[in-house]
Amino acid sequence: MNLQIMATCKIIRSLFMAVFVMSLVPLGAAENFRAGTADAYEAKQSQAGVTLAVKPYHTELLEKEIFSKSKPNKFGIMPVLVVITNLGDAPIKLVEMHARYVPARSTEGVNAMTAEDLFFYNPKGHAPKKQKLPGLGNTITKVKKGPLSRPEIAEREFSAPVLPPGETASGFFYFNVGVGGDPLTGASLYVAGITNMSTGQPLFYFEVPLD
């Protein structure tokens, strides 16, 4: 590793640690939650020194440990914890990382919803209300906040932009899997968009079984 890369890693490490410390702000009943390193989880895959692990929080008992009073599964939203540990020689870029839930007997899957999506998510499927603006003769869309518009949903979302060597990042992706079915049997999580910042080359995608 040359001096320029070492200096870049040092700067990135400092920025990452600052973000990491901020992420430890207490969140009610779930304030003590902290993910381990990726190798501590059963469902994982490794390549080029990077290990990515997943853990679905598909029951009320599991989600209560993390999301306090929020009940995403009640509304058909399954949180999946993604943990990434970088034991390679170069930092990896995660800004373009994206995840897709692929259920059994499916080739397309479901893209993750953002915390912003969930802020306005209406599980009953009601159309947004429209309200006239006085004196302007037109209408605007009046959107009511949904039942998942809670701070812990946004705070727990995966958001690390860069991961230096030797560090671990974690957070949740949220998937609309519906209510009442079995979301795990035969399902997997597809993760792509991770880039080696030294070479500029993307890593091959990860595909980790959820069951």
N, C-alpha and C. Protein backbone atom coordinates (compact mmCIF):
# COMPACT_ATOMS: atom_id res chain seq x y z
N MET A 1 0.86 -1.19 0.00
CA MET A 1 0.00 0.00 0.00
C MET A 1 0.89 1.24 0.00
N ASN A 2 0.73 2.15 -0.97
CA ASN A 2 1.58 3.33 -1.02
C ASN A 2 1.13 4.38 -0.02
N LEU A 3 1.94 5.45 0.10
CA LEU A 3 1.68 6.45 1.12
C LEU A 3 0.37 7.19 0.88
N GLN A 4 0.04 7.43 -0.39
CA GLN A 4 -1.20 8.15 -0.70
C GLN A 4 -2.42 7.36 -0.24
N ILE A 5 -2.40 6.06 -0.51
CA ILE A 5 -3.52 5.21 -0.10
C ILE A 5 -3.61 5.14 1.41
N MET A 6 -2.43 5.06 2.09
CA MET A 6 -2.42 5.00 3.54
C MET A 6 -3.00 6.27 4.14
N ALA A 7 -2.65 7.42 3.56
CA ALA A 7 -3.18 8.69 4.06
C ALA A 7 -4.68 8.77 3.85
N THR A 8 -5.14 8.31 2.68
CA THR A 8 -6.57 8.31 2.39
C THR A 8 -7.32 7.43 3.37
N CYS A 9 -6.77 6.25 3.66
CA CYS A 9 -7.40 5.32 4.60
C CYS A 9 -7.51 5.94 5.99
N LYS A 10 -6.45 6.68 6.39
CA LYS A 10 -6.45 7.29 7.72
C LYS A 10 -7.54 8.33 7.83
N ILE A 11 -7.70 9.15 6.78
CA ILE A 11 -8.75 10.19 6.78
C ILE A 11 -10.12 9.54 6.81
N ILE A 12 -10.30 8.52 5.96
CA ILE A 12 -11.59 7.84 5.88
C ILE A 12 -11.92 7.18 7.20
N ARG A 13 -10.91 6.58 7.84
CA ARG A 13 -11.13 5.91 9.12
C ARG A 13 -11.61 6.92 10.17
N SER A 14 -11.01 8.12 10.18
CA SER A 14 -11.41 9.14 11.15
C SER A 14 -12.85 9.58 10.92
N LEU A 15 -13.21 9.78 9.64
CA LEU A 15 -14.58 10.18 9.31
C LEU A 15 -15.56 9.09 9.69
N PHE A 16 -15.18 7.84 9.40
CA PHE A 16 -16.07 6.72 9.70
C PHE A 16 -16.31 6.60 11.20
N MET A 17 -15.27 6.74 11.99
CA MET A 17 -15.41 6.61 13.43
C MET A 17 -16.29 7.72 14.00
N ALA A 18 -16.20 8.91 13.41
CA ALA A 18 -17.05 10.00 13.87
C ALA A 18 -18.52 9.68 13.61
N VAL A 19 -18.80 9.15 12.42
CA VAL A 19 -20.17 8.76 12.10
C VAL A 19 -20.63 7.62 12.99
N PHE A 20 -19.70 6.67 13.25
CA PHE A 20 -20.05 5.51 14.08
C PHE A 20 -20.42 5.93 15.50
N VAL A 21 -19.65 6.85 16.06
CA VAL A 21 -19.95 7.32 17.42
C VAL A 21 -21.30 8.00 17.46
N MET A 22 -21.60 8.81 16.44
CA MET A 22 -22.89 9.49 16.39
C MET A 22 -24.03 8.49 16.31
N SER A 23 -23.78 7.35 15.66
CA SER A 23 -24.85 6.36 15.48
C SER A 23 -25.19 5.63 16.76
N LEU A 24 -24.39 5.83 17.82
CA LEU A 24 -24.63 5.13 19.07
C LEU A 24 -25.51 5.94 20.03
N VAL A 25 -26.13 7.01 19.54
CA VAL A 25 -27.04 7.78 20.37
C VAL A 25 -28.19 6.89 20.82
N PRO A 26 -28.57 6.88 22.09
CA PRO A 26 -29.60 5.98 22.59
C PRO A 26 -30.90 6.10 21.82
N LEU A 27 -31.56 4.96 21.57
CA LEU A 27 -32.81 4.92 20.84
C LEU A 27 -33.84 4.17 21.67
N GLY A 28 -34.24 4.73 22.81
CA GLY A 28 -35.28 4.14 23.61
C GLY A 28 -34.89 2.76 24.11
N ALA A 29 -35.84 1.81 23.98
CA ALA A 29 -35.62 0.47 24.52
C ALA A 29 -34.55 -0.29 23.76
N ALA A 30 -34.24 0.14 22.55
CA ALA A 30 -33.27 -0.57 21.73
C ALA A 30 -31.88 0.06 21.79
N GLU A 31 -31.63 0.88 22.80
CA GLU A 31 -30.39 1.66 22.84
C GLU A 31 -29.14 0.80 22.99
N ASN A 32 -29.27 -0.41 23.50
CA ASN A 32 -28.10 -1.25 23.72
C ASN A 32 -27.74 -2.13 22.54
N PHE A 33 -28.49 -2.04 21.46
CA PHE A 33 -28.19 -2.88 20.31
C PHE A 33 -26.88 -2.46 19.64
N ARG A 34 -26.04 -3.44 19.35
CA ARG A 34 -24.84 -3.20 18.57
C ARG A 34 -24.50 -4.49 17.83
N ALA A 35 -24.41 -4.41 16.53
CA ALA A 35 -24.10 -5.59 15.73
C ALA A 35 -22.66 -6.03 15.95
N GLY A 36 -22.41 -7.34 15.80
CA GLY A 36 -21.05 -7.85 15.87
C GLY A 36 -20.36 -7.72 14.53
N THR A 37 -19.21 -8.36 14.38
CA THR A 37 -18.55 -8.41 13.09
C THR A 37 -19.23 -9.45 12.22
N ALA A 38 -19.03 -9.36 10.93
CA ALA A 38 -19.77 -10.21 10.00
C ALA A 38 -19.52 -11.69 10.22
N ASP A 39 -18.32 -12.05 10.67
CA ASP A 39 -18.01 -13.47 10.85
C ASP A 39 -18.77 -14.10 12.01
N ALA A 40 -19.42 -13.29 12.84
CA ALA A 40 -20.17 -13.82 13.99
C ALA A 40 -21.56 -14.31 13.60
N TYR A 41 -21.97 -14.07 12.36
CA TYR A 41 -23.31 -14.44 11.92
C TYR A 41 -23.27 -15.71 11.07
N GLU A 42 -24.35 -16.46 11.13
CA GLU A 42 -24.39 -17.74 10.43
C GLU A 42 -24.52 -17.54 8.92
N ALA A 43 -25.38 -16.65 8.50
CA ALA A 43 -25.62 -16.43 7.07
C ALA A 43 -24.67 -15.36 6.55
N LYS A 44 -23.64 -15.78 5.82
CA LYS A 44 -22.63 -14.82 5.37
C LYS A 44 -21.93 -15.34 4.12
N GLN A 45 -21.22 -14.42 3.48
CA GLN A 45 -20.43 -14.77 2.29
C GLN A 45 -19.23 -13.85 2.25
N SER A 46 -18.09 -14.38 1.76
CA SER A 46 -16.85 -13.59 1.72
C SER A 46 -16.25 -13.57 0.32
N GLN A 47 -15.61 -12.46 0.00
CA GLN A 47 -14.83 -12.34 -1.23
C GLN A 47 -13.89 -11.16 -1.10
N ALA A 48 -12.67 -11.32 -1.65
CA ALA A 48 -11.68 -10.25 -1.69
C ALA A 48 -11.47 -9.59 -0.32
N GLY A 49 -11.49 -10.38 0.75
CA GLY A 49 -11.26 -9.83 2.08
C GLY A 49 -12.46 -9.18 2.71
N VAL A 50 -13.60 -9.18 2.03
CA VAL A 50 -14.82 -8.55 2.54
C VAL A 50 -15.84 -9.64 2.88
N THR A 51 -16.36 -9.61 4.10
CA THR A 51 -17.40 -10.55 4.51
C THR A 51 -18.70 -9.80 4.73
N LEU A 52 -19.77 -10.30 4.13
CA LEU A 52 -21.09 -9.70 4.27
C LEU A 52 -22.03 -10.73 4.90
N ALA A 53 -22.64 -10.34 6.00
CA ALA A 53 -23.56 -11.22 6.71
C ALA A 53 -24.95 -10.59 6.77
N VAL A 54 -25.97 -11.44 6.87
CA VAL A 54 -27.34 -10.94 6.95
C VAL A 54 -28.08 -11.67 8.07
N LYS A 55 -29.04 -10.96 8.65
CA LYS A 55 -29.92 -11.56 9.65
C LYS A 55 -31.30 -10.94 9.51
N PRO A 56 -32.31 -11.73 9.09
CA PRO A 56 -33.67 -11.19 8.97
C PRO A 56 -34.33 -11.06 10.34
N TYR A 57 -35.02 -9.96 10.54
CA TYR A 57 -35.80 -9.75 11.76
C TYR A 57 -37.27 -9.88 11.37
N HIS A 58 -37.72 -11.13 11.24
CA HIS A 58 -39.01 -11.43 10.62
C HIS A 58 -40.11 -11.75 11.62
N THR A 59 -39.84 -11.62 12.91
CA THR A 59 -40.85 -11.89 13.93
C THR A 59 -40.98 -10.69 14.87
N GLU A 60 -42.11 -10.64 15.56
CA GLU A 60 -42.34 -9.54 16.50
C GLU A 60 -41.32 -9.57 17.64
N LEU A 61 -40.95 -10.78 18.07
CA LEU A 61 -39.99 -10.91 19.17
C LEU A 61 -38.63 -10.35 18.78
N LEU A 62 -38.17 -10.66 17.56
CA LEU A 62 -36.88 -10.17 17.11
C LEU A 62 -36.89 -8.65 16.92
N GLU A 63 -37.93 -8.15 16.26
CA GLU A 63 -37.95 -6.72 15.95
C GLU A 63 -38.10 -5.87 17.21
N LYS A 64 -38.69 -6.43 18.25
CA LYS A 64 -38.85 -5.68 19.49
C LYS A 64 -37.51 -5.35 20.12
N GLU A 65 -36.51 -6.21 19.91
CA GLU A 65 -35.18 -5.98 20.46
C GLU A 65 -34.52 -4.74 19.85
N ILE A 66 -34.93 -4.41 18.62
CA ILE A 66 -34.23 -3.38 17.86
C ILE A 66 -35.07 -2.11 17.68
N PHE A 67 -36.36 -2.29 17.44
CA PHE A 67 -37.18 -1.17 17.00
C PHE A 67 -38.16 -0.67 18.04
N SER A 68 -37.96 -1.06 19.29
CA SER A 68 -38.76 -0.54 20.38
C SER A 68 -40.25 -0.73 20.10
N LYS A 69 -41.00 0.36 19.97
CA LYS A 69 -42.45 0.27 19.79
C LYS A 69 -42.88 0.11 18.33
N SER A 70 -41.97 0.27 17.42
CA SER A 70 -42.32 0.07 16.01
C SER A 70 -42.55 -1.41 15.74
N LYS A 71 -43.47 -1.71 14.85
CA LYS A 71 -43.77 -3.10 14.51
C LYS A 71 -43.83 -3.25 12.99
N PRO A 72 -42.67 -3.16 12.32
CA PRO A 72 -42.68 -3.19 10.85
C PRO A 72 -43.30 -4.45 10.27
N ASN A 73 -43.07 -5.62 10.89
CA ASN A 73 -43.63 -6.85 10.35
C ASN A 73 -45.15 -6.87 10.38
N LYS A 74 -45.74 -6.18 11.32
CA LYS A 74 -47.20 -6.08 11.41
C LYS A 74 -47.77 -5.47 10.14
N PHE A 75 -46.98 -4.62 9.49
CA PHE A 75 -47.42 -3.93 8.28
C PHE A 75 -46.78 -4.50 7.02
N GLY A 76 -46.23 -5.71 7.12
CA GLY A 76 -45.68 -6.39 5.96
C GLY A 76 -44.27 -6.00 5.60
N ILE A 77 -43.58 -5.27 6.47
CA ILE A 77 -42.21 -4.81 6.20
C ILE A 77 -41.22 -5.63 7.03
N MET A 78 -40.35 -6.37 6.36
CA MET A 78 -39.35 -7.18 7.07
C MET A 78 -37.99 -6.47 7.07
N PRO A 79 -37.47 -6.13 8.26
CA PRO A 79 -36.13 -5.56 8.34
C PRO A 79 -35.08 -6.68 8.21
N VAL A 80 -34.03 -6.42 7.46
CA VAL A 80 -32.93 -7.37 7.34
C VAL A 80 -31.64 -6.65 7.70
N LEU A 81 -30.96 -7.14 8.73
CA LEU A 81 -29.69 -6.56 9.14
C LEU A 81 -28.58 -7.01 8.19
N VAL A 82 -27.82 -6.06 7.69
CA VAL A 82 -26.66 -6.35 6.85
C VAL A 82 -25.41 -5.87 7.58
N VAL A 83 -24.46 -6.76 7.75
CA VAL A 83 -23.21 -6.45 8.44
C VAL A 83 -22.05 -6.70 7.49
N ILE A 84 -21.18 -5.73 7.32
CA ILE A 84 -20.05 -5.85 6.40
C ILE A 84 -18.76 -5.60 7.17
N THR A 85 -17.84 -6.55 7.09
CA THR A 85 -16.51 -6.39 7.70
C THR A 85 -15.47 -6.40 6.59
N ASN A 86 -14.63 -5.37 6.58
CA ASN A 86 -13.61 -5.22 5.55
C ASN A 86 -12.24 -5.60 6.10
N LEU A 87 -11.77 -6.77 5.72
CA LEU A 87 -10.43 -7.21 6.11
C LEU A 87 -9.45 -7.16 4.94
N GLY A 88 -9.83 -6.43 3.91
CA GLY A 88 -8.96 -6.26 2.76
C GLY A 88 -7.94 -5.15 2.99
N ASP A 89 -7.18 -4.82 1.94
CA ASP A 89 -6.11 -3.81 2.05
C ASP A 89 -6.56 -2.41 1.69
N ALA A 90 -7.75 -2.27 1.13
CA ALA A 90 -8.20 -0.97 0.65
C ALA A 90 -9.60 -0.67 1.17
N PRO A 91 -9.94 0.62 1.29
CA PRO A 91 -11.31 0.97 1.68
C PRO A 91 -12.29 0.57 0.59
N ILE A 92 -13.52 0.32 0.97
CA ILE A 92 -14.56 0.00 -0.02
C ILE A 92 -15.64 1.07 0.04
N LYS A 93 -16.17 1.39 -1.13
CA LYS A 93 -17.22 2.39 -1.24
C LYS A 93 -18.58 1.71 -1.21
N LEU A 94 -19.49 2.23 -0.36
CA LEU A 94 -20.79 1.62 -0.18
C LEU A 94 -21.94 2.53 -0.62
N VAL A 95 -21.60 3.70 -1.15
CA VAL A 95 -22.63 4.67 -1.51
C VAL A 95 -23.61 4.09 -2.53
N GLU A 96 -23.12 3.30 -3.46
CA GLU A 96 -23.97 2.76 -4.51
C GLU A 96 -24.46 1.35 -4.19
N MET A 97 -24.22 0.89 -2.98
CA MET A 97 -24.66 -0.44 -2.61
C MET A 97 -26.18 -0.52 -2.56
N HIS A 98 -26.73 -1.59 -3.09
CA HIS A 98 -28.18 -1.79 -3.05
C HIS A 98 -28.48 -3.25 -2.75
N ALA A 99 -29.63 -3.49 -2.16
CA ALA A 99 -30.01 -4.84 -1.75
C ALA A 99 -31.38 -5.19 -2.33
N ARG A 100 -31.55 -6.48 -2.61
CA ARG A 100 -32.82 -6.98 -3.14
C ARG A 100 -33.17 -8.29 -2.46
N TYR A 101 -34.40 -8.38 -2.00
CA TYR A 101 -34.92 -9.60 -1.40
C TYR A 101 -35.50 -10.46 -2.51
N VAL A 102 -35.00 -11.70 -2.61
CA VAL A 102 -35.46 -12.61 -3.66
C VAL A 102 -36.15 -13.80 -3.00
N PRO A 103 -37.49 -13.87 -3.06
CA PRO A 103 -38.20 -14.98 -2.44
C PRO A 103 -38.03 -16.27 -3.23
N ALA A 104 -38.49 -17.37 -2.66
CA ALA A 104 -38.40 -18.66 -3.32
C ALA A 104 -39.15 -18.64 -4.65
N ARG A 105 -38.59 -19.32 -5.64
CA ARG A 105 -39.20 -19.46 -6.96
C ARG A 105 -39.42 -18.11 -7.64
N SER A 106 -38.51 -17.18 -7.40
CA SER A 106 -38.59 -15.87 -8.05
C SER A 106 -37.22 -15.51 -8.60
N THR A 107 -37.20 -14.83 -9.72
CA THR A 107 -35.94 -14.38 -10.32
C THR A 107 -35.78 -12.86 -10.24
N GLU A 108 -36.84 -12.15 -9.92
CA GLU A 108 -36.79 -10.69 -9.91
C GLU A 108 -36.57 -10.13 -8.51
N GLY A 109 -37.42 -10.51 -7.57
CA GLY A 109 -37.25 -10.06 -6.22
C GLY A 109 -37.85 -8.68 -5.95
N VAL A 110 -37.57 -8.17 -4.76
CA VAL A 110 -38.13 -6.90 -4.28
C VAL A 110 -37.00 -6.00 -3.82
N ASN A 111 -36.94 -4.79 -4.34
CA ASN A 111 -35.93 -3.83 -3.90
C ASN A 111 -36.25 -3.31 -2.51
N ALA A 112 -35.23 -2.89 -1.80
CA ALA A 112 -35.42 -2.36 -0.45
C ALA A 112 -36.16 -1.03 -0.50
N MET A 113 -36.95 -0.79 0.53
CA MET A 113 -37.59 0.51 0.72
C MET A 113 -36.70 1.35 1.65
N THR A 114 -36.63 2.63 1.39
CA THR A 114 -35.84 3.50 2.26
C THR A 114 -36.68 3.91 3.47
N ALA A 115 -36.00 4.45 4.47
CA ALA A 115 -36.72 4.96 5.64
C ALA A 115 -37.65 6.10 5.24
N GLU A 116 -37.25 6.86 4.23
CA GLU A 116 -38.11 7.94 3.74
C GLU A 116 -39.37 7.38 3.11
N ASP A 117 -39.22 6.27 2.35
CA ASP A 117 -40.40 5.60 1.79
C ASP A 117 -41.35 5.17 2.90
N LEU A 118 -40.79 4.61 3.96
CA LEU A 118 -41.60 4.08 5.05
C LEU A 118 -42.25 5.18 5.88
N PHE A 119 -41.68 6.37 5.84
CA PHE A 119 -42.26 7.49 6.58
C PHE A 119 -43.69 7.76 6.11
N PHE A 120 -43.91 7.59 4.80
CA PHE A 120 -45.23 7.85 4.22
C PHE A 120 -45.95 6.56 3.81
N TYR A 121 -45.38 5.42 4.17
CA TYR A 121 -45.96 4.14 3.74
C TYR A 121 -47.32 3.92 4.38
N ASN A 122 -48.31 3.66 3.54
CA ASN A 122 -49.67 3.41 4.00
C ASN A 122 -50.01 1.96 3.70
N PRO A 123 -49.96 1.07 4.70
CA PRO A 123 -50.18 -0.35 4.45
C PRO A 123 -51.57 -0.68 3.93
N LYS A 124 -52.53 0.24 4.14
CA LYS A 124 -53.89 -0.01 3.66
C LYS A 124 -54.08 0.39 2.20
N GLY A 125 -53.04 1.03 1.65
CA GLY A 125 -53.09 1.37 0.24
C GLY A 125 -54.01 2.53 -0.11
N HIS A 126 -54.37 3.34 0.87
CA HIS A 126 -55.24 4.48 0.58
C HIS A 126 -54.51 5.53 -0.26
N ALA A 127 -55.22 6.12 -1.19
CA ALA A 127 -54.62 7.18 -2.00
C ALA A 127 -54.41 8.42 -1.15
N PRO A 128 -53.37 9.22 -1.42
CA PRO A 128 -53.16 10.46 -0.66
C PRO A 128 -54.35 11.41 -0.81
N LYS A 129 -54.66 12.12 0.25
CA LYS A 129 -55.75 13.07 0.20
C LYS A 129 -55.32 14.33 -0.55
N LYS A 130 -56.27 14.94 -1.28
CA LYS A 130 -55.98 16.18 -1.99
C LYS A 130 -56.74 17.32 -1.34
N GLN A 131 -56.09 18.46 -1.28
CA GLN A 131 -56.67 19.61 -0.60
C GLN A 131 -56.47 20.85 -1.46
N LYS A 132 -57.53 21.67 -1.61
CA LYS A 132 -57.43 22.88 -2.42
C LYS A 132 -56.70 23.98 -1.67
N LEU A 133 -55.85 24.70 -2.40
CA LEU A 133 -55.18 25.86 -1.82
C LEU A 133 -56.08 27.07 -1.97
N PRO A 134 -56.39 27.78 -0.89
CA PRO A 134 -57.30 28.94 -0.95
C PRO A 134 -56.83 30.00 -1.93
N GLY A 135 -57.75 30.40 -2.86
CA GLY A 135 -57.47 31.50 -3.76
C GLY A 135 -56.59 31.17 -4.95
N LEU A 136 -56.04 29.96 -5.03
CA LEU A 136 -55.15 29.63 -6.13
C LEU A 136 -55.82 28.75 -7.18
N GLY A 137 -56.94 28.15 -6.82
CA GLY A 137 -57.69 27.37 -7.80
C GLY A 137 -57.07 26.05 -8.20
N ASN A 138 -56.01 25.61 -7.51
CA ASN A 138 -55.41 24.32 -7.84
C ASN A 138 -55.36 23.44 -6.59
N THR A 139 -54.80 22.28 -6.71
CA THR A 139 -54.77 21.36 -5.58
C THR A 139 -53.34 20.94 -5.27
N ILE A 140 -53.14 20.55 -4.05
CA ILE A 140 -51.87 19.96 -3.65
C ILE A 140 -52.18 18.61 -3.03
N THR A 141 -51.16 17.79 -2.95
CA THR A 141 -51.33 16.48 -2.33
C THR A 141 -51.02 16.58 -0.84
N LYS A 142 -51.97 16.20 -0.04
CA LYS A 142 -51.78 16.18 1.40
C LYS A 142 -51.48 14.75 1.82
N VAL A 143 -50.27 14.52 2.31
CA VAL A 143 -49.83 13.18 2.64
C VAL A 143 -49.78 13.02 4.16
N LYS A 144 -50.43 11.99 4.64
CA LYS A 144 -50.42 11.70 6.07
C LYS A 144 -49.29 10.74 6.40
N LYS A 145 -48.60 11.01 7.49
CA LYS A 145 -47.52 10.12 7.92
C LYS A 145 -48.06 8.73 8.22
N GLY A 146 -47.25 7.71 7.90
CA GLY A 146 -47.67 6.34 8.11
C GLY A 146 -47.31 5.83 9.49
N PRO A 147 -47.71 4.60 9.83
CA PRO A 147 -47.44 4.03 11.16
C PRO A 147 -45.97 3.73 11.40
N LEU A 148 -45.15 3.74 10.34
CA LEU A 148 -43.72 3.47 10.51
C LEU A 148 -42.87 4.74 10.42
N SER A 149 -43.51 5.89 10.60
CA SER A 149 -42.78 7.16 10.59
C SER A 149 -42.20 7.43 11.98
N ARG A 150 -41.30 6.53 12.39
CA ARG A 150 -40.70 6.61 13.72
C ARG A 150 -39.18 6.77 13.59
N PRO A 151 -38.54 7.47 14.53
CA PRO A 151 -37.11 7.78 14.39
C PRO A 151 -36.21 6.55 14.33
N GLU A 152 -36.57 5.47 15.04
CA GLU A 152 -35.69 4.30 15.05
C GLU A 152 -35.62 3.62 13.68
N ILE A 153 -36.64 3.78 12.86
CA ILE A 153 -36.61 3.20 11.52
C ILE A 153 -35.50 3.86 10.70
N ALA A 154 -35.43 5.18 10.77
CA ALA A 154 -34.40 5.91 10.03
C ALA A 154 -33.02 5.73 10.65
N GLU A 155 -32.94 5.75 11.98
CA GLU A 155 -31.66 5.64 12.65
C GLU A 155 -30.99 4.29 12.42
N ARG A 156 -31.78 3.23 12.24
CA ARG A 156 -31.24 1.89 12.06
C ARG A 156 -30.96 1.54 10.61
N GLU A 157 -31.35 2.40 9.68
CA GLU A 157 -31.14 2.12 8.26
C GLU A 157 -29.64 2.10 7.93
N PHE A 158 -29.23 1.20 7.04
CA PHE A 158 -27.83 1.15 6.63
C PHE A 158 -27.47 2.44 5.91
N SER A 159 -26.40 3.10 6.34
CA SER A 159 -26.08 4.41 5.76
C SER A 159 -24.59 4.68 5.63
N ALA A 160 -23.71 3.71 5.95
CA ALA A 160 -22.27 3.97 5.88
C ALA A 160 -21.84 4.18 4.43
N PRO A 161 -21.19 5.31 4.09
CA PRO A 161 -20.77 5.57 2.71
C PRO A 161 -19.47 4.88 2.32
N VAL A 162 -18.58 4.70 3.32
CA VAL A 162 -17.25 4.14 3.06
C VAL A 162 -16.87 3.25 4.23
N LEU A 163 -16.14 2.16 3.94
CA LEU A 163 -15.70 1.26 5.01
C LEU A 163 -14.20 1.03 4.89
N PRO A 164 -13.41 1.59 5.82
CA PRO A 164 -11.95 1.42 5.78
C PRO A 164 -11.55 -0.01 6.12
N PRO A 165 -10.31 -0.39 5.80
CA PRO A 165 -9.81 -1.72 6.18
C PRO A 165 -9.85 -1.91 7.70
N GLY A 166 -10.26 -3.10 8.11
CA GLY A 166 -10.30 -3.42 9.53
C GLY A 166 -11.55 -2.98 10.25
N GLU A 167 -12.49 -2.34 9.55
CA GLU A 167 -13.70 -1.83 10.19
C GLU A 167 -14.93 -2.64 9.79
N THR A 168 -16.00 -2.46 10.57
CA THR A 168 -17.28 -3.11 10.31
C THR A 168 -18.39 -2.06 10.27
N ALA A 169 -19.29 -2.19 9.32
CA ALA A 169 -20.46 -1.32 9.23
C ALA A 169 -21.71 -2.19 9.22
N SER A 170 -22.79 -1.67 9.77
CA SER A 170 -24.02 -2.45 9.80
C SER A 170 -25.23 -1.53 9.76
N GLY A 171 -26.34 -2.10 9.40
CA GLY A 171 -27.60 -1.37 9.36
C GLY A 171 -28.67 -2.22 8.71
N PHE A 172 -29.89 -1.69 8.68
CA PHE A 172 -31.02 -2.45 8.19
C PHE A 172 -31.48 -2.00 6.81
N PHE A 173 -31.91 -2.99 6.02
CA PHE A 173 -32.66 -2.76 4.79
C PHE A 173 -34.08 -3.25 5.04
N TYR A 174 -35.05 -2.57 4.43
CA TYR A 174 -36.46 -2.88 4.69
C TYR A 174 -37.15 -3.36 3.41
N PHE A 175 -37.86 -4.49 3.52
CA PHE A 175 -38.47 -5.10 2.35
C PHE A 175 -39.96 -5.34 2.58
N ASN A 176 -40.75 -4.99 1.58
CA ASN A 176 -42.19 -5.22 1.63
C ASN A 176 -42.47 -6.66 1.20
N VAL A 177 -42.64 -7.55 2.18
CA VAL A 177 -42.83 -8.98 1.90
C VAL A 177 -44.26 -9.42 2.13
N GLY A 178 -45.12 -8.50 2.60
CA GLY A 178 -46.50 -8.86 2.87
C GLY A 178 -46.67 -9.46 4.25
N VAL A 179 -47.92 -9.76 4.58
CA VAL A 179 -48.25 -10.28 5.90
C VAL A 179 -48.78 -11.71 5.78
N GLY A 180 -48.36 -12.56 6.72
CA GLY A 180 -48.96 -13.88 6.83
C GLY A 180 -48.24 -15.01 6.14
N GLY A 181 -47.27 -14.72 5.29
CA GLY A 181 -46.55 -15.78 4.60
C GLY A 181 -45.25 -16.15 5.30
N ASP A 182 -44.50 -17.02 4.66
CA ASP A 182 -43.18 -17.41 5.15
C ASP A 182 -42.14 -16.69 4.30
N PRO A 183 -41.51 -15.64 4.82
CA PRO A 183 -40.61 -14.84 3.99
C PRO A 183 -39.20 -15.41 3.86
N LEU A 184 -38.89 -16.50 4.58
CA LEU A 184 -37.50 -16.96 4.62
C LEU A 184 -37.21 -18.22 3.82
N THR A 185 -38.10 -19.21 3.84
CA THR A 185 -37.82 -20.48 3.19
C THR A 185 -37.54 -20.30 1.69
N GLY A 186 -36.35 -20.70 1.29
CA GLY A 186 -35.96 -20.60 -0.11
C GLY A 186 -35.61 -19.19 -0.57
N ALA A 187 -35.61 -18.22 0.33
CA ALA A 187 -35.34 -16.84 -0.03
C ALA A 187 -33.86 -16.50 0.17
N SER A 188 -33.42 -15.44 -0.48
CA SER A 188 -32.04 -14.98 -0.33
C SER A 188 -31.99 -13.47 -0.44
N LEU A 189 -30.87 -12.90 0.00
CA LEU A 189 -30.65 -11.46 -0.13
C LEU A 189 -29.52 -11.23 -1.11
N TYR A 190 -29.79 -10.41 -2.12
CA TYR A 190 -28.83 -10.09 -3.18
C TYR A 190 -28.31 -8.69 -2.91
N VAL A 191 -26.98 -8.55 -2.79
CA VAL A 191 -26.37 -7.25 -2.50
C VAL A 191 -25.29 -6.97 -3.55
N ALA A 192 -25.36 -5.81 -4.17
CA ALA A 192 -24.38 -5.42 -5.19
C ALA A 192 -24.05 -3.94 -5.03
N GLY A 193 -23.07 -3.47 -5.80
CA GLY A 193 -22.72 -2.06 -5.78
C GLY A 193 -21.62 -1.69 -4.82
N ILE A 194 -20.83 -2.67 -4.35
CA ILE A 194 -19.69 -2.40 -3.46
C ILE A 194 -18.43 -2.28 -4.32
N THR A 195 -17.66 -1.24 -4.12
CA THR A 195 -16.51 -0.95 -4.97
C THR A 195 -15.22 -0.84 -4.18
N ASN A 196 -14.16 -1.47 -4.67
CA ASN A 196 -12.82 -1.32 -4.11
C ASN A 196 -12.30 0.07 -4.49
N MET A 197 -12.01 0.93 -3.51
CA MET A 197 -11.63 2.30 -3.80
C MET A 197 -10.20 2.42 -4.30
N SER A 198 -9.37 1.40 -4.10
CA SER A 198 -8.00 1.44 -4.59
C SER A 198 -7.94 1.14 -6.08
N THR A 199 -8.70 0.13 -6.52
CA THR A 199 -8.67 -0.26 -7.93
C THR A 199 -9.80 0.36 -8.74
N GLY A 200 -10.85 0.81 -8.05
CA GLY A 200 -12.02 1.34 -8.75
C GLY A 200 -12.92 0.25 -9.31
N GLN A 201 -12.62 -1.00 -8.99
CA GLN A 201 -13.38 -2.12 -9.53
C GLN A 201 -14.47 -2.56 -8.54
N PRO A 202 -15.67 -2.82 -9.04
CA PRO A 202 -16.73 -3.32 -8.16
C PRO A 202 -16.49 -4.76 -7.76
N LEU A 203 -16.89 -5.11 -6.56
CA LEU A 203 -16.85 -6.49 -6.14
C LEU A 203 -17.98 -7.26 -6.80
N PHE A 204 -17.80 -8.55 -6.95
CA PHE A 204 -18.87 -9.40 -7.46
C PHE A 204 -20.01 -9.37 -6.45
N TYR A 205 -21.24 -9.54 -6.93
CA TYR A 205 -22.38 -9.44 -6.03
C TYR A 205 -22.36 -10.54 -4.97
N PHE A 206 -23.01 -10.24 -3.84
CA PHE A 206 -23.20 -11.21 -2.76
C PHE A 206 -24.63 -11.75 -2.85
N GLU A 207 -24.79 -13.03 -2.63
CA GLU A 207 -26.12 -13.63 -2.57
C GLU A 207 -26.14 -14.61 -1.39
N VAL A 208 -26.83 -14.19 -0.32
CA VAL A 208 -26.80 -14.93 0.94
C VAL A 208 -28.19 -15.49 1.24
N PRO A 209 -28.31 -16.80 1.45
CA PRO A 209 -29.61 -17.40 1.79
C PRO A 209 -30.12 -16.87 3.13
N LEU A 210 -31.42 -16.67 3.23
CA LEU A 210 -32.04 -16.16 4.45
C LEU A 210 -32.56 -17.25 5.36
N ASP A 211 -32.68 -18.48 4.83
CA ASP A 211 -33.25 -19.56 5.66
C ASP A 211 -32.19 -20.46 6.22
